[in-house]
Protein backbone atom coordinates (compact mmCIF):
# COMPACT_ATOMS: atom_id res chain seq x y z
CA UNK A 1 50.07 48.88 -39.20
CA UNK A 2 46.47 48.60 -40.43
CA UNK A 3 45.35 51.38 -42.74
CA UNK A 4 42.34 53.58 -42.02
CA UNK A 5 39.25 52.82 -44.11
CA UNK A 6 36.90 55.35 -45.71
CA UNK A 7 33.95 55.49 -48.09
CA UNK A 8 33.52 58.39 -50.49
CA UNK A 9 30.05 58.99 -51.95
CA UNK A 10 29.45 61.44 -54.76
CA UNK A 11 26.71 62.48 -57.16
CA UNK A 12 27.14 64.95 -60.01
CA UNK A 13 25.75 65.88 -63.41
CA UNK A 14 26.78 63.11 -65.79
CA UNK A 15 29.96 64.01 -67.68
CA UNK A 16 33.19 62.42 -68.80
CA UNK A 17 36.19 62.20 -66.51
CA UNK A 18 34.54 62.01 -63.09
CA UNK A 19 35.82 58.57 -62.09
CA UNK A 20 39.30 59.27 -63.45
CA UNK A 21 39.43 62.66 -61.74
CA UNK A 22 38.38 61.32 -58.35
CA UNK A 23 40.77 58.37 -58.61
CA UNK A 24 43.64 60.73 -59.41
CA UNK A 25 42.74 62.87 -56.39
CA UNK A 26 42.82 59.84 -54.09
CA UNK A 27 46.17 58.72 -55.47
CA UNK A 28 47.64 62.20 -55.09
CA UNK A 29 46.70 62.18 -51.40
CA UNK A 30 48.35 58.80 -50.83
CA UNK A 31 45.12 56.83 -50.73
CA UNK A 32 44.50 53.34 -52.09
CA UNK A 33 41.21 52.41 -53.78
CA UNK A 34 39.99 49.06 -52.44
CA UNK A 35 36.79 48.86 -54.52
CA UNK A 36 34.61 51.23 -56.53
CA UNK A 37 31.14 51.25 -58.04
CA UNK A 38 29.50 53.81 -60.30
CA UNK A 39 26.25 54.35 -62.16
CA UNK A 40 25.21 56.83 -64.82
CA UNK A 41 21.48 57.54 -64.98
CA UNK A 42 20.84 58.52 -68.58
CA UNK A 43 17.29 59.64 -67.88
CA UNK A 44 18.20 61.91 -64.98
CA UNK A 45 21.55 62.94 -66.41
CA UNK A 46 23.24 62.13 -63.11
CA UNK A 47 26.35 60.15 -62.21
CA UNK A 48 26.75 58.32 -58.88
CA UNK A 49 29.95 57.03 -57.33
CA UNK A 50 30.96 55.01 -54.30
CA UNK A 51 34.64 54.41 -53.56
CA UNK A 52 35.98 52.38 -50.65
CA UNK A 53 39.51 53.57 -49.99
CA UNK A 54 42.25 53.23 -47.42
CA UNK A 55 44.78 55.70 -46.10
CA UNK A 56 47.94 54.95 -44.11
CA UNK A 57 47.67 55.83 -40.44
CA UNK A 58 50.21 58.59 -40.97
CA UNK A 59 48.10 59.99 -43.81
CA UNK A 60 46.02 63.10 -43.37
CA UNK A 61 42.29 62.37 -43.46
CA UNK A 62 41.39 66.07 -43.37
CA UNK A 63 43.53 66.74 -46.42
CA UNK A 64 41.93 63.78 -48.22
CA UNK A 65 38.45 65.05 -47.37
CA UNK A 66 39.25 68.57 -48.53
CA UNK A 67 40.75 67.31 -51.79
CA UNK A 68 37.74 65.08 -52.52
CA UNK A 69 35.29 67.89 -51.78
CA UNK A 70 37.24 70.11 -54.18
CA UNK A 71 37.06 67.33 -56.77
CA UNK A 72 33.28 67.09 -56.31
CA UNK A 73 32.98 70.87 -56.71
CA UNK A 74 35.00 70.71 -59.91
CA UNK A 75 32.38 68.42 -61.40
CA UNK A 76 29.48 70.51 -59.97
CA UNK A 77 28.60 67.63 -57.67
CA UNK A 78 28.15 66.78 -54.01
CA UNK A 79 30.41 64.47 -52.08
CA UNK A 80 30.93 63.11 -48.59
CA UNK A 81 33.83 61.18 -47.07
CA UNK A 82 32.95 58.76 -44.26
CA UNK A 83 35.51 57.38 -41.83
CA UNK A 84 34.57 53.73 -41.28
CA UNK A 85 36.34 53.84 -37.94
CA UNK A 86 33.59 56.12 -36.62
CA UNK A 87 30.67 53.82 -35.83
CA UNK A 88 27.25 55.37 -36.48
CA UNK A 89 24.80 55.37 -33.57
CA UNK A 90 21.40 53.78 -34.17
CA UNK A 91 18.07 54.17 -32.40
CA UNK A 92 15.28 51.64 -32.97
CA UNK A 93 11.61 52.54 -32.51
CA UNK A 94 9.07 49.73 -32.01
CA UNK A 95 5.49 49.27 -30.89
CA UNK A 96 4.03 45.83 -30.04
CA UNK A 97 5.07 43.71 -33.05
CA UNK A 98 8.66 42.77 -32.23
CA UNK A 99 9.77 40.50 -35.11
CA UNK A 100 11.86 43.22 -36.81
CA UNK A 101 13.30 44.29 -33.47
CA UNK A 102 14.29 40.70 -32.64
CA UNK A 103 16.05 40.37 -36.00
CA UNK A 104 17.92 43.66 -35.62
CA UNK A 105 18.99 42.86 -32.06
CA UNK A 106 20.40 39.55 -33.28
CA UNK A 107 22.26 41.26 -36.14
CA UNK A 108 23.81 43.77 -33.74
CA UNK A 109 24.72 41.04 -31.26
CA UNK A 110 26.44 39.01 -34.00
CA UNK A 111 28.35 42.03 -35.31
CA UNK A 112 26.57 41.99 -38.66
CA UNK A 113 25.73 45.70 -38.46
CA UNK A 114 28.77 47.95 -38.25
CA UNK A 115 27.29 50.44 -35.83
CA UNK A 116 26.43 51.02 -32.18
CA UNK A 117 22.87 50.33 -31.07
CA UNK A 118 22.48 53.28 -28.73
CA UNK A 119 18.88 53.01 -27.54
CA UNK A 120 15.46 51.50 -28.24
CA UNK A 121 12.27 53.41 -27.57
CA UNK A 122 8.66 52.33 -27.72
CA UNK A 123 5.19 53.67 -27.10
CA UNK A 124 4.53 50.41 -25.20
CA UNK A 125 6.36 48.51 -22.47
CA UNK A 126 6.15 45.09 -24.18
CA UNK A 127 9.73 44.99 -25.52
CA UNK A 128 11.51 46.22 -22.39
CA UNK A 129 12.69 42.85 -21.05
CA UNK A 130 13.91 41.72 -24.48
CA UNK A 131 15.87 44.91 -25.11
CA UNK A 132 17.37 45.08 -21.63
CA UNK A 133 18.40 41.41 -21.88
CA UNK A 134 20.55 42.55 -24.82
CA UNK A 135 22.04 45.21 -22.50
CA UNK A 136 20.60 48.05 -24.57
CA UNK A 137 18.86 51.07 -22.99
CA UNK A 138 15.07 51.01 -23.33
CA UNK A 139 12.93 54.13 -23.08
CA UNK A 140 9.15 54.09 -22.83
CA UNK A 141 7.54 57.11 -24.51
CA UNK A 142 3.76 56.62 -24.53
CA UNK A 143 1.68 58.60 -26.99
CA UNK A 144 -1.92 59.69 -27.41
CA UNK A 145 -3.43 62.12 -29.92
CA UNK A 146 -3.32 64.77 -27.22
CA UNK A 147 0.33 64.15 -26.29
CA UNK A 148 1.75 63.53 -29.78
CA UNK A 149 3.60 66.86 -30.00
CA UNK A 150 5.21 66.41 -26.56
CA UNK A 151 6.11 62.78 -27.28
CA UNK A 152 7.84 63.75 -30.52
CA UNK A 153 9.71 66.49 -28.66
CA UNK A 154 10.86 63.80 -26.20
CA UNK A 155 11.98 61.63 -29.12
CA UNK A 156 14.02 64.52 -30.53
CA UNK A 157 15.61 65.03 -27.13
CA UNK A 158 16.45 61.32 -27.00
CA UNK A 159 18.07 61.51 -30.43
CA UNK A 160 20.17 64.47 -29.32
CA UNK A 161 21.10 62.89 -25.99
CA UNK A 162 22.38 59.69 -27.60
CA UNK A 163 23.83 61.51 -30.63
CA UNK A 164 21.83 59.23 -32.93
CA UNK A 165 22.79 59.06 -36.61
CA UNK A 166 20.05 56.69 -37.83
CA UNK A 167 16.52 55.98 -36.62
CA UNK A 168 14.96 52.65 -37.60
CA UNK A 169 11.19 52.27 -37.39
CA UNK A 170 10.94 48.54 -36.70
CA UNK A 171 7.15 48.29 -36.94
CA UNK A 172 6.65 51.49 -34.98
CA UNK A 173 2.93 51.90 -35.50
CA UNK A 174 2.70 55.69 -35.27
CA UNK A 175 2.58 58.18 -38.13
CA UNK A 176 5.31 60.80 -37.76
CA UNK A 177 4.29 64.43 -38.03
CA UNK A 178 5.60 66.41 -41.03
CA UNK A 179 7.92 68.27 -38.66
CA UNK A 180 9.33 65.02 -37.27
CA UNK A 181 9.73 63.55 -40.76
CA UNK A 182 11.62 66.67 -41.84
CA UNK A 183 13.85 66.49 -38.77
CA UNK A 184 14.78 62.89 -39.64
CA UNK A 185 15.13 63.44 -43.39
CA UNK A 186 17.69 61.06 -44.87
CA UNK A 187 18.34 59.29 -41.57
CA UNK A 188 15.15 57.37 -40.80
CA UNK A 189 14.22 54.00 -42.34
CA UNK A 190 10.77 52.42 -42.18
CA UNK A 191 9.39 48.98 -43.09
CA UNK A 192 5.91 48.17 -44.33
CA UNK A 193 3.96 45.56 -46.29
CA UNK A 194 4.44 47.26 -49.66
CA UNK A 195 3.04 44.46 -51.79
CA UNK A 196 -0.33 44.78 -50.10
CA UNK A 197 -1.01 48.42 -51.00
CA UNK A 198 -4.76 47.89 -51.26
CA UNK A 199 -5.04 46.46 -47.77
CA UNK A 200 -4.73 49.29 -45.31
CA UNK A 201 -5.55 49.35 -41.63
CA UNK A 202 -5.71 46.36 -39.32
CA UNK A 203 -4.74 42.82 -40.33
CA UNK A 204 -3.48 43.47 -43.88
CA UNK A 205 -2.39 39.85 -44.32
CA UNK A 206 -5.83 38.61 -43.38
CA UNK A 207 -7.33 41.00 -45.94
CA UNK A 208 -4.86 39.69 -48.51
CA UNK A 209 -5.83 36.12 -47.67
CA UNK A 210 -9.48 36.92 -48.23
CA UNK A 211 -8.64 38.34 -51.65
CA UNK A 212 -6.52 35.34 -52.65
CA UNK A 213 -3.26 37.16 -53.37
CA UNK A 214 -0.35 35.16 -54.74
CA UNK A 215 2.54 37.43 -53.70
CA UNK A 216 3.23 39.07 -50.37
CA UNK A 217 6.22 41.20 -49.56
CA UNK A 218 7.75 44.20 -47.86
CA UNK A 219 9.52 47.46 -48.62
CA UNK A 220 12.14 49.36 -46.63
CA UNK A 221 12.25 53.06 -47.44
CA UNK A 222 13.38 56.40 -46.11
CA UNK A 223 10.74 58.31 -44.19
CA UNK A 224 9.27 61.48 -45.67
CA UNK A 225 6.18 63.48 -44.79
CA UNK A 226 4.40 61.69 -47.66
CA UNK A 227 3.25 58.55 -45.84
CA UNK A 228 4.93 55.35 -47.12
CA UNK A 229 6.09 57.14 -50.28
CA UNK A 230 9.73 57.78 -49.38
CA UNK A 231 12.70 56.65 -51.51
CA UNK A 232 12.85 52.85 -51.58
CA UNK A 233 15.99 51.06 -50.41
CA UNK A 234 15.03 47.38 -50.61
CA UNK A 235 12.06 45.14 -51.44
CA UNK A 236 11.35 41.42 -51.50
CA UNK A 237 8.40 39.08 -52.06
CA UNK A 238 7.36 35.52 -51.29
CA UNK A 239 4.93 33.46 -53.37
CA UNK A 240 1.89 31.98 -51.65
CA UNK A 241 -0.95 29.82 -52.88
CA UNK A 242 -4.64 29.23 -52.30
CA UNK A 243 -3.63 26.74 -49.61
CA UNK A 244 -1.69 29.28 -47.56
CA UNK A 245 -3.66 30.21 -44.44
CA UNK A 246 -3.97 33.74 -43.09
CA UNK A 247 -1.76 32.86 -40.11
CA UNK A 248 0.87 31.40 -42.44
CA UNK A 249 0.77 34.62 -44.47
CA UNK A 250 1.38 36.61 -41.32
CA UNK A 251 4.43 34.46 -40.49
CA UNK A 252 5.80 34.67 -44.02
CA UNK A 253 5.17 38.41 -44.17
CA UNK A 254 6.95 39.04 -40.89
CA UNK A 255 9.94 37.01 -42.05
CA UNK A 256 10.17 39.10 -45.23
CA UNK A 257 9.76 42.36 -43.32
CA UNK A 258 12.62 41.49 -40.96
CA UNK A 259 15.03 40.43 -43.71
CA UNK A 260 14.25 43.42 -45.95
CA UNK A 261 14.66 45.89 -43.09
CA UNK A 262 17.91 44.25 -41.99
CA UNK A 263 19.42 44.57 -45.46
CA UNK A 264 18.31 48.18 -45.83
CA UNK A 265 19.82 49.14 -42.47
CA UNK A 266 23.10 47.38 -43.30
CA UNK A 267 23.40 49.06 -46.70
CA UNK A 268 22.71 52.47 -45.17
CA UNK A 269 25.34 51.92 -42.47
CA UNK A 270 27.86 50.73 -45.05
CA UNK A 271 27.28 53.95 -47.01
CA UNK A 272 25.92 52.16 -50.07
CA UNK A 273 22.84 54.33 -50.66
CA UNK A 274 22.64 57.60 -52.58
CA UNK A 275 19.54 59.66 -53.30
CA UNK A 276 18.45 60.07 -56.90
CA UNK A 277 15.47 62.39 -56.70
CA UNK A 278 12.56 60.36 -55.31
CA UNK A 279 14.56 57.15 -55.84
CA UNK A 280 17.79 55.69 -54.53
CA UNK A 281 20.91 54.21 -56.05
CA UNK A 282 22.01 51.24 -53.93
CA UNK A 283 25.50 49.83 -54.51
CA UNK A 284 24.82 46.48 -52.86
C-alpha cells in the first residue's frame, strides 16, 4: 500500500540539534524521511528546514503533526505539516495580457502543478473563451475607481466560495488595496518586469528599448501593501543587444515573465518557500 506523503516546514532561532531533534521525532512516530533541506542564516540568526516525509497509511497523521509542532516549540520555532494528498486550490487573476495565464493553464493541464485550478477572474472579458475551453470557471469582475471597494469585496467572496488557498496575479493590472493585500498575505503571488525598475507606466519594454538596456527580466514575489516590494520568490533575465527591436523585447520579456511565474507558483505549491523577514528561503 502506498504511503502518505507530507512536507514539514520549520523556522527557528539558529541553534544546534534542530535537524537531529526533528528527525528523531519523525522516526519515533513511524515516519520515513524521503529528502531534507536546511539553511542557517548567520546574519539573521535563523534556521530553516524542509523535510519531505512519508507515513504508512495506518499511521496517525494527527499524532505526527502534534509531535512535530511540539518539536518546533522546543526549539522556539514555528512549524507546519502539509499533507500532500490535499491539493491546494488556486485562483488566477488576469487582465488583458494573457501570456502568463496561457502558460499556467498549460501547466495545470499537463499536471505540472500539483493543485486544483478552481477559478479564473478578470476585470475584462477577453480571456473567457480561453479559460472556459480549459473547462475552468471564469468570473468577470469589472472595476472602476468608484467600484474598487465593491469589486474587492466580490473577489474576497469568490475566494471564500471556492475555498482558495493561493491567488496568482498573472498580469492582473490593478493595484490591490492595503486591506486586500493584508487579506492575501502569504498566499498571493505577483509577476512584474523587475529588471526595468526605472520604466514605470505604459510600455516598459519600449521605454527600455529607447534607453538601450542590455538585460531584461522578471520577478515573482509575494504581494504586500508595499507595491512590488514583497518577498521575492524567483527572478530571471535575458540578454538583449542594440539590434533587438522593441517588439522582440516584448516577446522575450513575456516569455521570461511566464516562466518565472510558473516556477514560483510550483515552488509555493510544493511547500518549498519559507519567509525570512522581507526575504524568502526557497528550497528549489
